[in-house]
C-alpha atoms as a PDB file:
ATOM      1  CA  UNK A   1       9.759-122.910  88.622  1.00  0.00           C
ATOM      2  CA  UNK A   2      12.368-121.308  90.777  1.00  0.00           C
ATOM      3  CA  UNK A   3      15.756-120.580  89.282  1.00  0.00           C
ATOM      4  CA  UNK A   4      16.198-117.003  90.610  1.00  0.00           C
ATOM      5  CA  UNK A   5      19.135-115.843  92.399  1.00  0.00           C
ATOM      6  CA  UNK A   6      17.819-116.912  95.793  1.00  0.00           C
ATOM      7  CA  UNK A   7      18.485-120.519  95.144  1.00  0.00           C
ATOM      8  CA  UNK A   8      21.064-122.564  95.522  1.00  0.00           C
ATOM      9  CA  UNK A   9      22.652-124.022  93.238  1.00  0.00           C
ATOM     10  CA  UNK A  10      24.019-127.835  93.893  1.00  0.00           C
ATOM     11  CA  UNK A  11      26.946-129.302  92.737  1.00  0.00           C
ATOM     12  CA  UNK A  12      27.323-133.143  91.842  1.00  0.00           C
ATOM     13  CA  UNK A  13      31.150-133.961  91.385  1.00  0.00           C
ATOM     14  CA  UNK A  14      33.294-137.161  91.832  1.00  0.00           C
ATOM     15  CA  UNK A  15      30.508-138.973  89.119  1.00  0.00           C
ATOM     16  CA  UNK A  16      30.473-140.664  86.124  1.00  0.00           C
ATOM     17  CA  UNK A  17      27.761-138.674  84.385  1.00  0.00           C
ATOM     18  CA  UNK A  18      26.557-139.979  81.243  1.00  0.00           C
ATOM     19  CA  UNK A  19      25.461-137.805  78.759  1.00  0.00           C
ATOM     20  CA  UNK A  20      24.584-139.578  75.299  1.00  0.00           C
ATOM     21  CA  UNK A  21      26.590-136.793  73.748  1.00  0.00           C
ATOM     22  CA  UNK A  22      30.087-136.594  71.656  1.00  0.00           C
ATOM     23  CA  UNK A  23      31.943-136.927  74.342  1.00  0.00           C
ATOM     24  CA  UNK A  24      29.810-139.352  76.396  1.00  0.00           C
ATOM     25  CA  UNK A  25      31.297-139.740  80.020  1.00  0.00           C
ATOM     26  CA  UNK A  26      31.397-135.572  82.438  1.00  0.00           C
ATOM     27  CA  UNK A  27      32.685-135.456  85.659  1.00  0.00           C
ATOM     28  CA  UNK A  28      30.030-133.436  87.757  1.00  0.00           C
ATOM     29  CA  UNK A  29      26.594-131.424  86.964  1.00  0.00           C
ATOM     30  CA  UNK A  30      25.361-127.982  88.534  1.00  0.00           C
ATOM     31  CA  UNK A  31      21.153-128.138  89.115  1.00  0.00           C
ATOM     32  CA  UNK A  32      19.747-124.745  90.085  1.00  0.00           C
ATOM     33  CA  UNK A  33      15.932-125.063  90.788  1.00  0.00           C
ATOM     34  CA  UNK A  34      14.489-127.376  89.048  1.00  0.00           C
ATOM     35  CA  UNK A  35      16.847-126.811  85.530  1.00  0.00           C
ATOM     36  CA  UNK A  36      20.469-128.622  84.565  1.00  0.00           C
ATOM     37  CA  UNK A  37      22.707-125.515  84.442  1.00  0.00           C
ATOM     38  CA  UNK A  38      25.911-127.714  83.527  1.00  0.00           C
ATOM     39  CA  UNK A  39      27.278-131.234  82.991  1.00  0.00           C
ATOM     40  CA  UNK A  40      30.777-131.447  82.525  1.00  0.00           C
ATOM     41  CA  UNK A  41      34.433-130.952  83.965  1.00  0.00           C
ATOM     42  CA  UNK A  42      34.247-130.462  87.931  1.00  0.00           C
ATOM     43  CA  UNK A  43      36.677-127.097  87.352  1.00  0.00           C
ATOM     44  CA  UNK A  44      33.915-125.460  85.139  1.00  0.00           C
ATOM     45  CA  UNK A  45      30.838-127.231  87.144  1.00  0.00           C
ATOM     46  CA  UNK A  46      32.407-125.414  90.705  1.00  0.00           C
ATOM     47  CA  UNK A  47      32.969-121.991  88.490  1.00  0.00           C
ATOM     48  CA  UNK A  48      28.902-122.520  87.460  1.00  0.00           C
ATOM     49  CA  UNK A  49      28.079-123.061  90.513  1.00  0.00           C
ATOM     50  CA  UNK A  50      29.416-120.575  92.599  1.00  0.00           C
ATOM     51  CA  UNK A  51      30.778-120.163  96.038  1.00  0.00           C
ATOM     52  CA  UNK A  52      27.745-120.830  98.219  1.00  0.00           C
ATOM     53  CA  UNK A  53      27.407-124.143  95.822  1.00  0.00           C
ATOM     54  CA  UNK A  54      25.878-127.185  97.716  1.00  0.00           C
ATOM     55  CA  UNK A  55      28.218-129.692  97.216  1.00  0.00           C
ATOM     56  CA  UNK A  56      27.487-133.036  96.765  1.00  0.00           C
ATOM     57  CA  UNK A  57      29.955-135.716  96.551  1.00  0.00           C
ATOM     58  CA  UNK A  58      29.017-138.809  94.937  1.00  0.00           C
ATOM     59  CA  UNK A  59      31.596-141.437  95.273  1.00  0.00           C
ATOM     60  CA  UNK A  60      32.097-142.324  91.564  1.00  0.00           C
ATOM     61  CA  UNK A  61      28.796-143.477  90.877  1.00  0.00           C
ATOM     62  CA  UNK A  62      27.256-143.369  87.953  1.00  0.00           C
ATOM     63  CA  UNK A  63      24.193-141.034  86.978  1.00  0.00           C
ATOM     64  CA  UNK A  64      21.950-142.135  84.013  1.00  0.00           C
ATOM     65  CA  UNK A  65      19.256-139.256  82.408  1.00  0.00           C
ATOM     66  CA  UNK A  66      16.180-139.816  83.123  1.00  0.00           C
ATOM     67  CA  UNK A  67      12.770-138.780  81.987  1.00  0.00           C
ATOM     68  CA  UNK A  68       9.015-138.707  83.600  1.00  0.00           C
ATOM     69  CA  UNK A  69       8.043-137.289  79.554  1.00  0.00           C
ATOM     70  CA  UNK A  70       8.212-141.947  78.927  1.00  0.00           C
ATOM     71  CA  UNK A  71       5.738-142.614  81.606  1.00  0.00           C
ATOM     72  CA  UNK A  72       2.894-140.450  80.661  1.00  0.00           C
ATOM     73  CA  UNK A  73       3.606-140.857  76.673  1.00  0.00           C
ATOM     74  CA  UNK A  74       3.352-145.579  77.410  1.00  0.00           C
ATOM     75  CA  UNK A  75       0.668-144.490  79.910  1.00  0.00           C
ATOM     76  CA  UNK A  76      -2.117-142.810  77.800  1.00  0.00           C
ATOM     77  CA  UNK A  77      -2.332-146.000  75.148  1.00  0.00           C
ATOM     78  CA  UNK A  78      -2.942-148.155  78.449  1.00  0.00           C
ATOM     79  CA  UNK A  79      -5.504-146.293  79.392  1.00  0.00           C
ATOM     80  CA  UNK A  80      -6.979-145.555  76.284  1.00  0.00           C
ATOM     81  CA  UNK A  81      -7.032-149.628  76.162  1.00  0.00           C
ATOM     82  CA  UNK A  82      -8.466-150.145  79.416  1.00  0.00           C
ATOM     83  CA  UNK A  83     -11.673-147.864  78.918  1.00  0.00           C
END
């Protein structure tokens, strides 16, 4: 994991980010290294990302959460059955 000061932040803006939280939609997210640093409004995301962030305009695209954990969880029983 690289989350040091040499790793640039990536600001993804102009998006519809689904959060499944009490505020289910956000406008932007910030990624630093392999970590999600912020999800929320664009102004706050820009402050969190900093002036040297790499900015990616998503053009209003929808962003949904994903997890590779589900793949590992479901594949383990399948491997046991195939033996």
